[in-house]
Protein backbone atom coordinates (compact mmCIF):
# COMPACT_ATOMS: atom_id res chain seq x y z
CA MET A 1 -2.47 9.62 -11.74
CA SER A 2 0.96 9.11 -13.22
CA GLU A 3 2.67 6.58 -15.61
CA GLU A 4 3.96 4.66 -12.48
CA THR A 5 -0.04 3.56 -12.02
CA THR A 6 -0.75 -0.01 -12.37
CA GLY A 7 -4.06 -1.82 -12.04
CA ALA A 8 -7.86 -0.47 -12.41
CA ARG A 9 -7.66 -1.63 -15.92
CA GLY A 10 -10.63 -0.77 -18.61
CA GLY A 11 -10.83 2.81 -17.59
CA ALA A 12 -13.14 2.01 -14.84
CA ALA A 13 -12.65 4.27 -11.56
CA PRO A 14 -10.31 2.04 -8.98
CA ASP A 15 -12.10 0.97 -5.88
CA LEU A 16 -9.41 2.00 -3.89
CA THR A 17 -5.91 3.50 -4.98
CA VAL A 18 -2.81 2.29 -3.34
CA TYR A 19 0.59 4.49 -2.83
CA TYR A 20 3.76 2.67 -2.66
CA ASP A 21 7.13 3.49 -2.46
CA GLY A 22 8.68 1.17 -5.45
CA ALA A 23 12.16 2.12 -4.83
CA CYS A 24 11.91 -0.02 -1.52
CA PRO A 25 12.32 -3.58 -2.44
CA LEU A 26 10.24 -5.01 0.48
CA CYS A 27 7.36 -2.52 -0.71
CA ARG A 28 7.88 -4.00 -4.41
CA ALA A 29 7.59 -7.72 -3.20
CA GLU A 30 4.57 -6.96 -1.21
CA ILE A 31 2.64 -4.87 -3.52
CA GLY A 32 3.62 -7.81 -6.34
CA HIS A 33 1.98 -9.97 -4.23
CA TYR A 34 -0.98 -7.90 -3.93
CA THR A 35 -0.79 -6.92 -7.89
CA ARG A 36 -1.45 -10.90 -8.62
CA CYS A 37 -4.32 -11.19 -6.47
CA GLU A 38 -7.83 -12.01 -7.26
CA GLY A 39 -9.58 -8.40 -7.30
CA ALA A 40 -6.38 -6.66 -7.94
CA GLU A 41 -7.82 -5.13 -11.27
CA ARG A 42 -10.35 -2.89 -9.24
CA ILE A 43 -7.08 -1.33 -7.24
CA ALA A 44 -4.89 1.29 -8.93
CA PHE A 45 -1.29 0.96 -7.39
CA VAL A 46 0.92 3.85 -7.34
CA ASP A 47 4.39 3.97 -7.42
CA VAL A 48 5.02 7.24 -5.50
CA SER A 49 9.15 6.76 -5.74
CA SER A 50 9.20 8.62 -9.19
CA GLU A 51 9.47 12.51 -8.75
CA SER A 52 6.49 12.58 -11.36
CA ALA A 53 4.29 10.75 -8.97
CA ASP A 54 1.49 12.61 -7.80
CA PRO A 55 -0.97 11.12 -4.69
CA GLY A 56 -3.41 14.29 -4.75
CA PRO A 57 -3.51 17.46 -3.02
CA ASP A 58 -4.04 16.37 0.33
CA LEU A 59 -1.19 13.81 0.24
CA SER A 60 2.08 14.98 -0.29
CA ARG A 61 5.00 12.57 -2.19
CA GLU A 62 6.91 12.42 1.07
CA ALA A 63 4.07 11.43 3.36
CA ALA A 64 3.30 8.94 0.81
CA LEU A 65 6.91 7.47 0.87
CA ALA A 66 7.26 7.50 4.50
CA ARG A 67 4.09 5.57 5.16
CA PHE A 68 1.14 3.01 3.55
CA HIS A 69 -1.79 5.15 2.14
CA VAL A 70 -4.67 4.10 0.40
CA ARG A 71 -7.59 6.31 -1.30
CA ASP A 72 -11.18 4.65 -1.41
CA ALA A 73 -13.36 5.65 -4.21
CA HIS A 74 -14.83 8.17 -2.42
CA GLY A 75 -11.43 10.08 -1.81
CA THR A 76 -11.00 8.89 1.95
CA LEU A 77 -7.33 8.70 2.63
CA ALA A 78 -6.55 5.44 5.17
CA SER A 79 -2.71 4.64 6.38
CA GLY A 80 -0.85 2.18 8.38
CA GLY A 81 -2.56 -0.46 9.67
CA ALA A 82 -5.92 0.79 8.33
CA GLY A 83 -4.70 1.32 5.29
CA PHE A 84 -3.94 -2.13 5.07
CA ALA A 85 -7.29 -3.32 6.32
CA ALA A 86 -8.95 -1.36 3.43
CA LEU A 87 -6.98 -3.16 1.15
CA TRP A 88 -7.19 -6.44 2.39
CA ARG A 89 -10.97 -5.70 2.51
CA THR A 90 -10.96 -5.24 -1.17
CA LEU A 91 -9.35 -8.56 -2.07
CA PRO A 92 -11.53 -11.39 -2.06
CA ARG A 93 -9.04 -13.74 -0.71
CA TRP A 94 -7.73 -11.13 1.85
CA ARG A 95 -11.15 -10.18 2.87
CA VAL A 96 -11.59 -12.15 6.37
CA ALA A 97 -8.23 -10.56 7.43
CA GLY A 98 -9.62 -7.35 6.36
CA ARG A 99 -12.44 -7.51 8.18
CA LEU A 100 -10.79 -8.50 11.40
CA ALA A 101 -8.20 -5.90 11.14
CA ALA A 102 -10.89 -3.21 11.23
CA LEU A 103 -11.91 -4.71 14.39
CA PRO A 104 -11.37 -2.08 17.33
CA GLY A 105 -8.88 -3.80 19.42
CA VAL A 106 -7.12 -5.71 16.14
CA ARG A 107 -7.19 -2.19 14.35
CA THR A 108 -5.09 -0.70 17.13
CA LEU A 109 -2.43 -3.96 17.24
CA LEU A 110 -1.99 -3.51 13.83
CA GLU A 111 -1.23 0.11 13.81
CA LEU A 112 0.95 -0.54 16.82
CA ALA A 113 2.86 -3.18 14.65
CA TYR A 114 3.11 -1.15 11.66
CA ARG A 115 4.25 1.96 13.79
CA GLY A 116 7.02 -0.84 15.14
CA PHE A 117 8.02 -1.74 11.50
CA LEU A 118 8.86 1.65 10.25
CA PRO A 119 11.48 2.28 11.93
CA LEU A 120 12.95 -1.15 11.10
CA ARG A 121 12.37 -0.70 7.28
CA PRO A 122 15.57 0.80 6.56
CA ALA A 123 17.53 -2.06 8.19
CA LEU A 124 15.64 -4.75 6.51
CA VAL A 125 16.00 -3.05 2.88
CA ARG A 126 19.89 -2.92 3.49
CA LEU A 127 19.89 -6.87 4.59
CA TRP A 128 16.99 -7.65 1.63
CA LYS A 129 19.75 -5.92 -0.67
CA ARG A 130 22.73 -7.45 0.79
CA ALA A 131 21.10 -10.99 0.55
CA ALA A 132 20.05 -10.12 -3.17
CA ARG A 133 23.98 -9.37 -3.86
CA ARG A 134 24.88 -12.68 -2.75
């Protein structure tokens, strides 16, 4: 991992690795919330916005920037709604949401909502930055 990695302290292998776009203020705010949650010390949060970030041989930096990805302790990647479900299942206070999100119908709805959000993200970031300047 790179110097942009936070979490999974104590040298132990993380239960989950989260790849996020640290250049996106929305992403930073959301990841900031998760890093403060109980259980976050078992998760590695990797900011892939840095040129030096290396998400691994099976995930390009570009793909990691374009869509939310997580990798479990066995090396399995999940993205989008399934990635959020995996993250939520790892955090004790989010565990119920993670279990609900893993249900077949809910998983589909979560993925559709995530895909609907992706095209809106650039406009939301512009609004966020404009509001921050005021």
